[in-house]
Amino acid sequence: MNKVLLKLMVALGVVTMVGCSSIETAEDIQKADCYFPDMPSKEAPKWICEVTPQGYEIIGVGYAKKSVAGSGIMREIALNNAQQRLASQLENNIKSKFDAVTRQSSTTTKTVSDEHVSEMVEITINNVVSTVIRDARVMTTLTSPSGGMYTLVAMTNDAYQANMAAAIEKARKDEIWSNLDSEEAQEAMKKALASLEG
């Protein structure tokens, strides 16, 4: 009984390793098959599976299920969903950049409240993304075999860099560091912004 169990566990381990190791690189991801989430038996374009097309930095894929309200409403829902996903991705990228630089700029004394600085970054980024996001293009809209609608919104590398620069500039203009309690935290935030601008 133990030998059978051991052989079964080894076999499962091999299958698991083979299954997990089939996609290892960005090139493998580009080549991987993609299927419509609302009709898994039908192959779909890669962007449906959120594979970023060449020449673009970030994308948002939106979806609207088939509706009796008609294709106009479905298109609007899919577009809004795609724009929200793209904005969320941009927001996360900006936040990661701010967080990384703020941590590097903080002194080792740790009198700066990392949590407070992080909260300020979060508030700023939420405000920034909602006011500066520009040049996101609707690339295509596609109706799936089941009648759902997918929309792809994408941002080129130039547009992405411009949005990042606009976010940093807005944070600098708004002097977000002035809302921090300690001088050390304010200094850390100023240094972080200066290094992001350079």
Protein backbone atom coordinates (compact mmCIF):
# COMPACT_ATOMS: atom_id res chain seq x y z
CA MET A 1 0.00 0.00 0.00
CA ASN A 2 2.78 2.42 0.94
CA LYS A 3 4.68 1.63 -2.29
CA VAL A 4 1.58 2.32 -4.38
CA LEU A 5 1.00 5.60 -2.54
CA LEU A 6 4.65 6.59 -2.98
CA LYS A 7 4.56 5.82 -6.72
CA LEU A 8 1.36 7.83 -7.08
CA MET A 9 2.89 10.82 -5.25
CA VAL A 10 6.03 10.69 -7.41
CA ALA A 11 3.92 10.49 -10.59
CA LEU A 12 1.80 13.46 -9.49
CA GLY A 13 4.95 15.42 -8.68
CA VAL A 14 6.37 14.78 -12.16
CA VAL A 15 3.10 15.77 -13.83
CA THR A 16 2.92 18.93 -11.71
CA MET A 17 6.50 19.92 -12.55
CA VAL A 18 6.00 19.31 -16.26
CA GLY A 19 2.71 21.25 -16.28
CA CYS A 20 4.15 24.22 -14.39
CA SER A 21 7.38 24.41 -16.36
CA SER A 22 5.79 24.69 -19.80
CA ILE A 23 5.57 28.51 -19.63
CA GLU A 24 8.85 29.98 -18.47
CA THR A 25 9.59 33.09 -20.53
CA ALA A 26 7.81 36.10 -21.96
CA GLU A 27 8.20 34.49 -25.37
CA ASP A 28 6.42 31.36 -24.10
CA ILE A 29 3.57 33.54 -22.85
CA GLN A 30 3.25 35.14 -26.29
CA LYS A 31 3.03 31.68 -27.86
CA ALA A 32 0.64 30.16 -25.29
CA ASP A 33 -2.90 29.39 -26.40
CA CYS A 34 -5.67 31.73 -25.31
CA TYR A 35 -9.37 30.95 -24.98
CA PHE A 36 -12.41 33.12 -24.40
CA PRO A 37 -13.19 33.12 -20.66
CA ASP A 38 -16.92 33.11 -21.45
CA MET A 39 -16.48 30.23 -23.94
CA PRO A 40 -13.39 28.21 -22.98
CA SER A 41 -13.71 25.83 -25.92
CA LYS A 42 -13.04 28.63 -28.45
CA GLU A 43 -9.59 30.06 -29.14
CA ALA A 44 -9.21 33.82 -28.67
CA PRO A 45 -6.67 36.50 -29.60
CA LYS A 46 -3.78 36.76 -27.12
CA TRP A 47 -4.91 40.15 -25.81
CA ILE A 48 -8.07 38.54 -24.40
CA CYS A 49 -5.72 36.73 -21.98
CA GLU A 50 -4.06 40.08 -21.18
CA VAL A 51 -0.91 39.44 -23.22
CA THR A 52 0.34 42.93 -24.08
CA PRO A 53 0.70 43.42 -27.85
CA GLN A 54 4.13 44.51 -29.08
CA GLY A 55 4.64 48.25 -29.10
CA TYR A 56 2.49 48.85 -26.03
CA GLU A 57 3.50 49.23 -22.40
CA ILE A 58 0.28 48.44 -20.54
CA ILE A 59 -3.21 47.30 -21.49
CA GLY A 60 -6.66 46.98 -20.01
CA VAL A 61 -9.09 44.33 -21.20
CA GLY A 62 -12.75 44.96 -20.50
CA TYR A 63 -15.71 42.62 -20.77
CA ALA A 64 -19.47 42.94 -20.98
CA LYS A 65 -21.70 39.88 -20.96
CA LYS A 66 -24.36 39.50 -23.63
CA SER A 67 -27.25 41.78 -22.81
CA VAL A 68 -30.73 42.48 -24.12
CA ALA A 69 -29.85 46.17 -23.72
CA GLY A 70 -27.91 45.88 -26.97
CA SER A 71 -24.42 46.25 -28.30
CA GLY A 72 -24.17 49.99 -27.56
CA ILE A 73 -24.58 49.44 -23.83
CA MET A 74 -22.33 46.38 -23.93
CA ARG A 75 -19.63 48.37 -25.73
CA GLU A 76 -19.81 51.11 -23.09
CA ILE A 77 -19.59 48.60 -20.21
CA ALA A 78 -16.63 46.80 -21.82
CA LEU A 79 -14.86 50.11 -22.48
CA ASN A 80 -15.38 51.37 -18.91
CA ASN A 81 -14.12 48.06 -17.55
CA ALA A 82 -11.02 48.18 -19.78
CA GLN A 83 -10.25 51.79 -18.82
CA GLN A 84 -10.59 50.96 -15.11
CA ARG A 85 -8.21 48.02 -15.47
CA LEU A 86 -5.66 50.11 -17.35
CA ALA A 87 -5.90 52.92 -14.78
CA SER A 88 -5.50 50.41 -11.96
CA GLN A 89 -2.39 48.97 -13.57
CA LEU A 90 -0.91 52.45 -14.11
CA GLU A 91 -1.75 53.34 -10.50
CA ASN A 92 -0.02 50.22 -9.19
CA ASN A 93 3.07 50.88 -11.32
CA ILE A 94 3.31 54.48 -10.11
CA LYS A 95 2.80 53.40 -6.49
CA SER A 96 5.51 50.75 -6.81
CA LYS A 97 7.92 53.33 -8.22
CA PHE A 98 7.12 55.84 -5.44
CA ASP A 99 7.40 53.16 -2.75
CA ALA A 100 10.74 51.87 -4.03
CA VAL A 101 12.28 55.32 -4.23
CA THR A 102 10.81 56.43 -0.90
CA ARG A 103 12.32 53.39 0.80
CA GLN A 104 15.70 54.14 -0.77
CA SER A 105 15.50 57.79 0.32
CA SER A 106 14.49 57.04 3.92
CA THR A 107 17.25 57.20 6.47
CA THR A 108 18.19 54.16 8.51
CA THR A 109 17.04 55.72 11.79
CA LYS A 110 13.48 54.63 10.96
CA THR A 111 11.92 57.63 12.69
CA VAL A 112 10.02 58.17 9.47
CA SER A 113 6.72 56.38 9.59
CA ASP A 114 6.87 54.16 6.51
CA GLU A 115 3.16 53.52 6.87
CA HIS A 116 2.35 57.23 6.90
CA VAL A 117 4.53 57.92 3.86
CA SER A 118 2.92 54.96 2.10
CA GLU A 119 -0.56 56.31 2.90
CA MET A 120 0.39 59.71 1.48
CA VAL A 121 1.73 58.06 -1.66
CA GLU A 122 -1.53 56.10 -1.99
CA ILE A 123 -3.70 59.22 -1.62
CA THR A 124 -1.57 61.18 -4.07
CA ILE A 125 -1.54 58.44 -6.65
CA ASN A 126 -5.31 57.99 -6.48
CA ASN A 127 -5.71 61.73 -7.12
CA VAL A 128 -3.03 61.80 -9.80
CA VAL A 129 -4.26 58.85 -11.85
CA SER A 130 -7.82 60.14 -11.89
CA THR A 131 -6.67 63.53 -13.19
CA VAL A 132 -3.66 62.90 -15.45
CA ILE A 133 -4.24 59.64 -17.33
CA ARG A 134 -4.07 60.45 -21.04
CA ASP A 135 -3.42 58.86 -24.40
CA ALA A 136 -4.92 55.46 -23.68
CA ARG A 137 -6.26 54.18 -26.99
CA VAL A 138 -9.14 51.88 -27.69
CA MET A 139 -7.42 49.32 -29.90
CA THR A 140 -10.26 46.96 -30.72
CA THR A 141 -13.60 45.57 -29.63
CA LEU A 142 -14.52 41.95 -30.28
CA THR A 143 -17.69 39.92 -29.79
CA SER A 144 -17.03 36.44 -28.44
CA PRO A 145 -18.74 33.31 -29.81
CA SER A 146 -21.11 33.39 -26.82
CA GLY A 147 -22.14 37.00 -27.51
CA GLY A 148 -20.04 38.73 -24.83
CA MET A 149 -18.05 41.80 -25.78
CA TYR A 150 -14.34 42.39 -25.12
CA THR A 151 -12.53 45.72 -25.49
CA LEU A 152 -8.78 46.33 -25.53
CA VAL A 153 -7.43 49.68 -24.30
CA ALA A 154 -3.67 50.16 -24.60
CA MET A 155 -0.99 52.71 -23.87
CA THR A 156 2.23 53.03 -25.88
CA ASN A 157 5.57 53.28 -24.09
CA ASP A 158 5.75 57.02 -24.87
CA ALA A 159 2.25 57.61 -23.47
CA TYR A 160 3.08 55.48 -20.42
CA GLN A 161 6.26 57.48 -19.73
CA ALA A 162 4.35 60.75 -20.21
CA ASN A 163 1.69 59.63 -17.71
CA MET A 164 4.38 58.62 -15.20
CA ALA A 165 6.08 62.02 -15.63
CA ALA A 166 2.74 63.83 -15.24
CA ALA A 167 2.03 61.92 -12.02
CA ILE A 168 5.42 62.85 -10.57
CA GLU A 169 5.03 66.48 -11.65
CA LYS A 170 1.56 66.70 -10.08
CA ALA A 171 2.86 65.22 -6.83
CA ARG A 172 5.69 67.77 -6.84
CA LYS A 173 3.37 70.70 -7.61
CA ASP A 174 0.92 69.61 -4.92
CA GLU A 175 3.83 69.46 -2.45
CA ILE A 176 2.50 66.21 -1.03
CA TRP A 177 5.33 66.09 1.50
CA SER A 178 3.80 69.06 3.37
CA ASN A 179 1.08 66.71 4.68
CA LEU A 180 3.63 64.50 6.44
CA ASP A 181 4.14 65.01 10.17
CA SER A 182 7.89 64.78 10.57
CA GLU A 183 10.58 66.79 8.83
CA GLU A 184 12.42 63.55 8.14
CA ALA A 185 9.40 62.11 6.34
CA GLN A 186 9.02 65.32 4.35
CA GLU A 187 12.70 65.18 3.38
CA ALA A 188 12.39 61.52 2.34
CA MET A 189 9.41 62.33 0.12
CA LYS A 190 11.16 65.35 -1.46
CA LYS A 191 14.24 63.23 -2.24
CA ALA A 192 12.05 60.48 -3.66
CA LEU A 193 10.30 62.92 -6.00
CA ALA A 194 13.59 64.54 -7.03
CA SER A 195 15.10 61.17 -7.93
CA LEU A 196 12.01 60.19 -9.92
CA GLU A 197 12.16 63.43 -11.92
CA GLY A 198 15.83 62.94 -12.76
